[in-house]
Amino acid sequence: MADSSTSSTSSTSQNASKPRKRSQFRAKIKLQKIEIVVRNLHQNNIKLYVKNLKRKRSKYTQHKMAARNQTKDLKCATHLLSDKFRNMAEEKKAIVRDLGFGGLMHVPPLRVDHQLLRELANNFKLGENKLKTGYGSFQITPKTIGDALGINATDYQDKKKKAIDGCLFALMIIYFHLSENKGKKRAERPPKPWIANWTKEKLVERMTAEKEEILVSKHNMLLLFYLPECC
């Protein structure tokens, strides 16, 4: 005859094991569901990142194309003008001054980096005659050009201009002068022509600083386009 206590214990043990198997099965199903959700979320994040990357690349390409269409044939070799005045007789120099172009004699022999010229051209808004920079927006007028180079630049306006080309030395001097003296009182600003306050050494130093800043900003822009966004 079987012991009743043993039979009861065995039955209780079997009954206790059944819920454990069901809970393990449910846990396995829940884990699989979580894995599916995580996988779908990861795939959706990848699709969203690729979509945003394509959109950013498209905007970047459009910006480059717009800048390229506005800018062409940039050149600036002021050493040619400097050599011309250096070899000029004093009598002819006096005539140049009487004609109102004496400020050009302050132009130093210089080779301006084309990358800097291109950045100036790209930031100049045709139609508005504004140079938009990190220091602010500067209105470029014939009087501004005259103040920069000490020449009579009035009564000239080309309404059909659709691109920027040629020598942008005057625009560079305007940018350097206005950004350096922004916020100063009139009495604290250097006298006209502005070019007289920019020696070759000072121009080279500023151009080097500007070029480094351009490289840093372009590097940061590339990071924005190619690094993944935070979820």
C-alpha atoms as a PDB file:
ATOM      1  CA  MET A   1       0.000   0.000   0.000  1.00  0.00           C
ATOM      2  CA  ALA A   2       1.552   3.422  -1.047  1.00  0.00           C
ATOM      3  CA  ASP A   3       2.301   6.001   1.551  1.00  0.00           C
ATOM      4  CA  SER A   4      -0.326   8.748   1.349  1.00  0.00           C
ATOM      5  CA  SER A   5       2.173  11.450   2.331  1.00  0.00           C
ATOM      6  CA  THR A   6       4.548  10.482  -0.467  1.00  0.00           C
ATOM      7  CA  SER A   7       1.745  10.532  -3.045  1.00  0.00           C
ATOM      8  CA  SER A   8       0.618  13.944  -1.867  1.00  0.00           C
ATOM      9  CA  THR A   9       4.124  15.337  -2.039  1.00  0.00           C
ATOM     10  CA  SER A  10       4.632  14.023  -5.582  1.00  0.00           C
ATOM     11  CA  SER A  11       1.343  15.521  -6.734  1.00  0.00           C
ATOM     12  CA  THR A  12       2.171  18.874  -5.220  1.00  0.00           C
ATOM     13  CA  SER A  13       5.588  18.858  -6.897  1.00  0.00           C
ATOM     14  CA  GLN A  14       4.077  18.171 -10.320  1.00  0.00           C
ATOM     15  CA  ASN A  15       1.490  20.883  -9.887  1.00  0.00           C
ATOM     16  CA  ALA A  16       4.161  23.400  -8.855  1.00  0.00           C
ATOM     17  CA  SER A  17       6.280  22.661 -11.933  1.00  0.00           C
ATOM     18  CA  LYS A  18       3.520  23.355 -14.466  1.00  0.00           C
ATOM     19  CA  PRO A  19       3.182  27.160 -13.843  1.00  0.00           C
ATOM     20  CA  ARG A  20       6.980  27.534 -14.089  1.00  0.00           C
ATOM     21  CA  LYS A  21       6.994  26.116 -17.631  1.00  0.00           C
ATOM     22  CA  ARG A  22       4.161  28.418 -18.658  1.00  0.00           C
ATOM     23  CA  SER A  23       5.959  31.485 -17.242  1.00  0.00           C
ATOM     24  CA  GLN A  24       9.167  30.534 -19.052  1.00  0.00           C
ATOM     25  CA  PHE A  25       7.214  30.185 -22.296  1.00  0.00           C
ATOM     26  CA  ARG A  26       5.553  33.565 -21.820  1.00  0.00           C
ATOM     27  CA  ALA A  27       8.898  35.198 -21.002  1.00  0.00           C
ATOM     28  CA  LYS A  28      10.365  33.745 -24.203  1.00  0.00           C
ATOM     29  CA  ILE A  29       7.489  35.152 -26.269  1.00  0.00           C
ATOM     30  CA  LYS A  30       7.849  38.584 -24.654  1.00  0.00           C
ATOM     31  CA  LEU A  31      11.595  38.558 -25.313  1.00  0.00           C
ATOM     32  CA  GLN A  32      11.001  37.736 -28.977  1.00  0.00           C
ATOM     33  CA  LYS A  33       8.468  40.564 -29.227  1.00  0.00           C
ATOM     34  CA  ILE A  34      10.951  43.000 -27.657  1.00  0.00           C
ATOM     35  CA  GLU A  35      13.657  41.878 -30.085  1.00  0.00           C
ATOM     36  CA  ILE A  36      11.273  42.473 -33.003  1.00  0.00           C
ATOM     37  CA  VAL A  37      10.369  45.955 -31.725  1.00  0.00           C
ATOM     38  CA  VAL A  38      14.038  46.861 -31.212  1.00  0.00           C
ATOM     39  CA  ARG A  39      14.941  45.553 -34.676  1.00  0.00           C
ATOM     40  CA  ASN A  40      12.140  47.536 -36.323  1.00  0.00           C
ATOM     41  CA  LEU A  41      13.105  50.649 -34.382  1.00  0.00           C
ATOM     42  CA  HIS A  42      16.733  50.270 -35.450  1.00  0.00           C
ATOM     43  CA  GLN A  43      15.719  49.824 -39.097  1.00  0.00           C
ATOM     44  CA  ASN A  44      13.442  52.863 -38.930  1.00  0.00           C
ATOM     45  CA  ASN A  45      16.265  54.932 -37.424  1.00  0.00           C
ATOM     46  CA  ILE A  46      18.590  53.865 -40.238  1.00  0.00           C
ATOM     47  CA  LYS A  47      15.973  54.788 -42.869  1.00  0.00           C
ATOM     48  CA  LEU A  48      15.377  58.154 -41.193  1.00  0.00           C
ATOM     49  CA  TYR A  49      19.124  58.863 -41.000  1.00  0.00           C
ATOM     50  CA  VAL A  50      19.614  57.998 -44.684  1.00  0.00           C
ATOM     51  CA  LYS A  51      16.661  60.209 -45.624  1.00  0.00           C
ATOM     52  CA  ASN A  52      18.016  63.156 -43.598  1.00  0.00           C
ATOM     53  CA  LEU A  53      21.491  62.624 -45.016  1.00  0.00           C
ATOM     54  CA  LYS A  54      20.167  62.701 -48.584  1.00  0.00           C
ATOM     55  CA  ARG A  55      18.201  65.869 -47.818  1.00  0.00           C
ATOM     56  CA  LYS A  56      21.257  67.567 -46.306  1.00  0.00           C
ATOM     57  CA  ARG A  57      23.459  66.534 -49.212  1.00  0.00           C
ATOM     58  CA  SER A  58      20.852  67.899 -51.614  1.00  0.00           C
ATOM     59  CA  LYS A  59      20.756  71.261 -49.803  1.00  0.00           C
ATOM     60  CA  TYR A  60      24.565  71.354 -49.678  1.00  0.00           C
ATOM     61  CA  THR A  61      24.766  70.633 -53.417  1.00  0.00           C
ATOM     62  CA  GLN A  62      22.157  73.304 -54.188  1.00  0.00           C
ATOM     63  CA  HIS A  63      24.090  75.816 -52.099  1.00  0.00           C
ATOM     64  CA  LYS A  64      27.332  74.999 -53.905  1.00  0.00           C
ATOM     65  CA  MET A  65      25.657  75.228 -57.309  1.00  0.00           C
ATOM     66  CA  ALA A  66      24.083  78.592 -56.465  1.00  0.00           C
ATOM     67  CA  ALA A  67      27.445  79.917 -55.308  1.00  0.00           C
ATOM     68  CA  ARG A  68      29.160  78.537 -58.402  1.00  0.00           C
ATOM     69  CA  ASN A  69      26.629  80.205 -60.693  1.00  0.00           C
ATOM     70  CA  GLN A  70      27.214  83.557 -58.974  1.00  0.00           C
ATOM     71  CA  THR A  71      31.015  83.371 -59.002  1.00  0.00           C
ATOM     72  CA  LYS A  72      33.406  83.114 -61.938  1.00  0.00           C
ATOM     73  CA  ASP A  73      36.826  84.276 -63.169  1.00  0.00           C
ATOM     74  CA  LEU A  74      38.207  85.542 -59.871  1.00  0.00           C
ATOM     75  CA  LYS A  75      41.687  86.999 -59.974  1.00  0.00           C
ATOM     76  CA  CYS A  76      43.684  89.429 -57.881  1.00  0.00           C
ATOM     77  CA  ALA A  77      47.348  90.250 -58.447  1.00  0.00           C
ATOM     78  CA  THR A  78      47.941  93.641 -56.867  1.00  0.00           C
ATOM     79  CA  HIS A  79      51.686  93.388 -57.396  1.00  0.00           C
ATOM     80  CA  LEU A  80      51.098  94.439 -61.020  1.00  0.00           C
ATOM     81  CA  LEU A  81      49.510  97.724 -59.907  1.00  0.00           C
ATOM     82  CA  SER A  82      52.148  98.232 -57.212  1.00  0.00           C
ATOM     83  CA  ASP A  83      54.977  97.734 -59.707  1.00  0.00           C
ATOM     84  CA  LYS A  84      53.336 100.223 -62.075  1.00  0.00           C
ATOM     85  CA  PHE A  85      53.283 102.999 -59.473  1.00  0.00           C
ATOM     86  CA  ARG A  86      56.737 102.153 -58.120  1.00  0.00           C
ATOM     87  CA  ASN A  87      58.282 102.646 -61.553  1.00  0.00           C
ATOM     88  CA  MET A  88      56.211 105.759 -62.319  1.00  0.00           C
ATOM     89  CA  ALA A  89      57.870 109.195 -62.477  1.00  0.00           C
ATOM     90  CA  GLU A  90      56.896 111.718 -59.773  1.00  0.00           C
ATOM     91  CA  GLU A  91      55.324 114.021 -62.359  1.00  0.00           C
ATOM     92  CA  LYS A  92      52.939 111.279 -63.442  1.00  0.00           C
ATOM     93  CA  LYS A  93      52.177 110.381 -59.828  1.00  0.00           C
ATOM     94  CA  ALA A  94      51.123 113.986 -59.246  1.00  0.00           C
ATOM     95  CA  ILE A  95      48.743 113.744 -62.210  1.00  0.00           C
ATOM     96  CA  VAL A  96      47.251 110.516 -60.796  1.00  0.00           C
ATOM     97  CA  ARG A  97      46.668 112.232 -57.444  1.00  0.00           C
ATOM     98  CA  ASP A  98      45.037 115.228 -59.143  1.00  0.00           C
ATOM     99  CA  LEU A  99      42.681 112.866 -60.967  1.00  0.00           C
ATOM    100  CA  GLY A 100      41.582 111.401 -57.616  1.00  0.00           C
ATOM    101  CA  PHE A 101      43.274 107.996 -57.861  1.00  0.00           C
ATOM    102  CA  GLY A 102      46.132 108.583 -55.432  1.00  0.00           C
ATOM    103  CA  GLY A 103      44.742 106.041 -52.970  1.00  0.00           C
ATOM    104  CA  LEU A 104      45.702 103.238 -55.345  1.00  0.00           C
ATOM    105  CA  MET A 105      49.353 103.976 -54.624  1.00  0.00           C
ATOM    106  CA  HIS A 106      48.863 102.420 -51.195  1.00  0.00           C
ATOM    107  CA  VAL A 107      47.993  99.022 -52.689  1.00  0.00           C
ATOM    108  CA  PRO A 108      50.841  96.646 -51.685  1.00  0.00           C
ATOM    109  CA  PRO A 109      52.306  93.903 -53.888  1.00  0.00           C
ATOM    110  CA  LEU A 110      50.179  90.936 -52.955  1.00  0.00           C
ATOM    111  CA  ARG A 111      48.798  87.660 -54.230  1.00  0.00           C
ATOM    112  CA  VAL A 112      45.392  87.059 -52.718  1.00  0.00           C
ATOM    113  CA  ASP A 113      44.321  83.453 -52.142  1.00  0.00           C
ATOM    114  CA  HIS A 114      41.483  82.493 -54.512  1.00  0.00           C
ATOM    115  CA  GLN A 115      39.699  80.574 -51.773  1.00  0.00           C
ATOM    116  CA  LEU A 116      39.287  83.785 -49.790  1.00  0.00           C
ATOM    117  CA  LEU A 117      38.092  85.659 -52.869  1.00  0.00           C
ATOM    118  CA  ARG A 118      35.548  82.937 -53.581  1.00  0.00           C
ATOM    119  CA  GLU A 119      34.201  83.107 -50.034  1.00  0.00           C
ATOM    120  CA  LEU A 120      33.810  86.874 -50.353  1.00  0.00           C
ATOM    121  CA  ALA A 121      32.029  86.483 -53.680  1.00  0.00           C
ATOM    122  CA  ASN A 122      29.726  83.761 -52.347  1.00  0.00           C
ATOM    123  CA  ASN A 123      28.757  85.924 -49.351  1.00  0.00           C
ATOM    124  CA  PHE A 124      28.066  88.986 -51.485  1.00  0.00           C
ATOM    125  CA  LYS A 125      24.371  89.220 -52.342  1.00  0.00           C
ATOM    126  CA  LEU A 126      23.841  90.522 -55.844  1.00  0.00           C
ATOM    127  CA  GLY A 127      20.828  92.780 -56.171  1.00  0.00           C
ATOM    128  CA  GLU A 128      21.107  93.809 -52.522  1.00  0.00           C
ATOM    129  CA  ASN A 129      24.734  94.968 -52.703  1.00  0.00           C
ATOM    130  CA  LYS A 130      25.303  93.450 -49.259  1.00  0.00           C
ATOM    131  CA  LEU A 131      28.215  91.442 -47.919  1.00  0.00           C
ATOM    132  CA  LYS A 132      26.874  89.044 -45.301  1.00  0.00           C
ATOM    133  CA  THR A 133      29.519  87.717 -42.908  1.00  0.00           C
ATOM    134  CA  GLY A 134      29.926  86.391 -39.399  1.00  0.00           C
ATOM    135  CA  TYR A 135      30.620  89.974 -38.266  1.00  0.00           C
ATOM    136  CA  GLY A 136      27.318  91.190 -39.643  1.00  0.00           C
ATOM    137  CA  SER A 137      25.881  92.492 -42.899  1.00  0.00           C
ATOM    138  CA  PHE A 138      27.725  95.346 -44.663  1.00  0.00           C
ATOM    139  CA  GLN A 139      26.162  97.539 -47.337  1.00  0.00           C
ATOM    140  CA  ILE A 140      28.519  98.032 -50.281  1.00  0.00           C
ATOM    141  CA  THR A 141      28.008 101.330 -52.113  1.00  0.00           C
ATOM    142  CA  PRO A 142      30.122 103.364 -54.535  1.00  0.00           C
ATOM    143  CA  LYS A 143      30.966 105.668 -51.607  1.00  0.00           C
ATOM    144  CA  THR A 144      32.164 102.671 -49.578  1.00  0.00           C
ATOM    145  CA  ILE A 145      34.469 101.651 -52.408  1.00  0.00           C
ATOM    146  CA  GLY A 146      35.701 105.230 -52.674  1.00  0.00           C
ATOM    147  CA  ASP A 147      36.441 105.354 -48.932  1.00  0.00           C
ATOM    148  CA  ALA A 148      38.303 102.050 -49.145  1.00  0.00           C
ATOM    149  CA  LEU A 149      40.571 102.868 -52.077  1.00  0.00           C
ATOM    150  CA  GLY A 150      40.530 106.662 -52.064  1.00  0.00           C
ATOM    151  CA  ILE A 151      39.032 106.934 -55.531  1.00  0.00           C
ATOM    152  CA  ASN A 152      35.956 108.532 -57.067  1.00  0.00           C
ATOM    153  CA  ALA A 153      33.649 105.549 -57.608  1.00  0.00           C
ATOM    154  CA  THR A 154      30.253 107.363 -57.914  1.00  0.00           C
ATOM    155  CA  ASP A 155      27.726 107.289 -60.756  1.00  0.00           C
ATOM    156  CA  TYR A 156      28.396 103.607 -61.624  1.00  0.00           C
ATOM    157  CA  GLN A 157      25.721 100.866 -61.430  1.00  0.00           C
ATOM    158  CA  ASP A 158      25.335  97.741 -63.529  1.00  0.00           C
ATOM    159  CA  LYS A 159      21.773  96.476 -63.086  1.00  0.00           C
ATOM    160  CA  LYS A 160      22.316  93.514 -65.421  1.00  0.00           C
ATOM    161  CA  LYS A 161      25.128  92.044 -63.357  1.00  0.00           C
ATOM    162  CA  LYS A 162      24.426  88.364 -62.650  1.00  0.00           C
ATOM    163  CA  ALA A 163      27.840  87.109 -61.577  1.00  0.00           C
ATOM    164  CA  ILE A 164      30.885  88.278 -59.675  1.00  0.00           C
ATOM    165  CA  ASP A 165      34.253  88.177 -61.377  1.00  0.00           C
ATOM    166  CA  GLY A 166      37.511  90.071 -61.715  1.00  0.00           C
ATOM    167  CA  CYS A 167      39.519  91.519 -58.826  1.00  0.00           C
ATOM    168  CA  LEU A 168      37.800  91.613 -55.436  1.00  0.00           C
ATOM    169  CA  PHE A 169      40.599  93.466 -53.655  1.00  0.00           C
ATOM    170  CA  ALA A 170      38.337  96.436 -52.849  1.00  0.00           C
ATOM    171  CA  LEU A 171      35.692  94.115 -51.379  1.00  0.00           C
ATOM    172  CA  MET A 172      38.353  92.423 -49.250  1.00  0.00           C
ATOM    173  CA  ILE A 173      39.628  95.751 -47.884  1.00  0.00           C
ATOM    174  CA  ILE A 174      36.063  96.850 -47.089  1.00  0.00           C
ATOM    175  CA  TYR A 175      35.412  93.584 -45.264  1.00  0.00           C
ATOM    176  CA  PHE A 176      38.661  93.723 -43.281  1.00  0.00           C
ATOM    177  CA  HIS A 177      38.209  97.378 -42.348  1.00  0.00           C
ATOM    178  CA  LEU A 178      34.521  97.254 -41.364  1.00  0.00           C
ATOM    179  CA  SER A 179      34.836  94.017 -39.394  1.00  0.00           C
ATOM    180  CA  GLU A 180      37.930  95.237 -37.518  1.00  0.00           C
ATOM    181  CA  ASN A 181      36.400  98.612 -36.641  1.00  0.00           C
ATOM    182  CA  LYS A 182      32.832  97.494 -35.993  1.00  0.00           C
ATOM    183  CA  GLY A 183      31.459  99.127 -32.852  1.00  0.00           C
ATOM    184  CA  LYS A 184      34.162 101.808 -32.703  1.00  0.00           C
ATOM    185  CA  LYS A 185      33.244 105.466 -32.475  1.00  0.00           C
ATOM    186  CA  ARG A 186      33.915 107.652 -35.504  1.00  0.00           C
ATOM    187  CA  ALA A 187      36.894 109.336 -33.804  1.00  0.00           C
ATOM    188  CA  GLU A 188      38.463 105.913 -33.110  1.00  0.00           C
ATOM    189  CA  ARG A 189      38.273 104.711 -36.713  1.00  0.00           C
ATOM    190  CA  PRO A 190      41.336 104.949 -39.000  1.00  0.00           C
ATOM    191  CA  PRO A 191      41.321 107.776 -41.564  1.00  0.00           C
ATOM    192  CA  LYS A 192      40.496 107.416 -45.254  1.00  0.00           C
ATOM    193  CA  PRO A 193      41.533 105.888 -47.546  1.00  0.00           C
ATOM    194  CA  TRP A 194      41.210 102.628 -45.616  1.00  0.00           C
ATOM    195  CA  ILE A 195      43.797 100.910 -47.776  1.00  0.00           C
ATOM    196  CA  ALA A 196      46.480 103.227 -46.321  1.00  0.00           C
ATOM    197  CA  ASN A 197      46.032 101.502 -42.937  1.00  0.00           C
ATOM    198  CA  TRP A 198      46.654  98.004 -44.304  1.00  0.00           C
ATOM    199  CA  THR A 199      50.289  97.125 -44.875  1.00  0.00           C
ATOM    200  CA  LYS A 200      51.342  94.013 -46.735  1.00  0.00           C
ATOM    201  CA  GLU A 201      52.284  92.286 -43.465  1.00  0.00           C
ATOM    202  CA  LYS A 202      48.942  93.137 -41.853  1.00  0.00           C
ATOM    203  CA  LEU A 203      47.020  91.929 -44.900  1.00  0.00           C
ATOM    204  CA  VAL A 204      48.934  88.635 -45.016  1.00  0.00           C
ATOM    205  CA  GLU A 205      48.261  88.066 -41.305  1.00  0.00           C
ATOM    206  CA  ARG A 206      44.539  88.709 -41.693  1.00  0.00           C
ATOM    207  CA  MET A 207      44.250  86.610 -44.857  1.00  0.00           C
ATOM    208  CA  THR A 208      45.943  83.678 -43.102  1.00  0.00           C
ATOM    209  CA  ALA A 209      43.522  83.943 -40.183  1.00  0.00           C
ATOM    210  CA  GLU A 210      40.548  84.126 -42.545  1.00  0.00           C
ATOM    211  CA  LYS A 211      41.721  81.081 -44.508  1.00  0.00           C
ATOM    212  CA  GLU A 212      42.082  79.028 -41.322  1.00  0.00           C
ATOM    213  CA  GLU A 213      38.585  80.080 -40.277  1.00  0.00           C
ATOM    214  CA  ILE A 214      37.212  79.025 -43.667  1.00  0.00           C
ATOM    215  CA  LEU A 215      38.808  75.589 -43.326  1.00  0.00           C
ATOM    216  CA  VAL A 216      37.420  75.143 -39.800  1.00  0.00           C
ATOM    217  CA  SER A 217      33.910  76.195 -40.832  1.00  0.00           C
ATOM    218  CA  LYS A 218      33.956  73.841 -43.827  1.00  0.00           C
ATOM    219  CA  HIS A 219      35.186  71.009 -41.606  1.00  0.00           C
ATOM    220  CA  ASN A 220      32.331  71.650 -39.171  1.00  0.00           C
ATOM    221  CA  MET A 221      29.856  71.763 -42.048  1.00  0.00           C
ATOM    222  CA  LEU A 222      31.032  68.370 -43.282  1.00  0.00           C
ATOM    223  CA  LEU A 223      30.632  66.970 -39.769  1.00  0.00           C
ATOM    224  CA  LEU A 224      27.027  68.180 -39.716  1.00  0.00           C
ATOM    225  CA  PHE A 225      26.336  66.426 -42.990  1.00  0.00           C
ATOM    226  CA  TYR A 226      28.027  63.106 -42.305  1.00  0.00           C
ATOM    227  CA  LEU A 227      27.701  62.488 -38.560  1.00  0.00           C
ATOM    228  CA  PRO A 228      24.506  60.663 -37.472  1.00  0.00           C
ATOM    229  CA  GLU A 229      21.860  62.702 -35.713  1.00  0.00           C
ATOM    230  CA  CYS A 230      20.867  62.115 -32.120  1.00  0.00           C
ATOM    231  CA  CYS A 231      17.659  60.126 -31.722  1.00  0.00           C
END
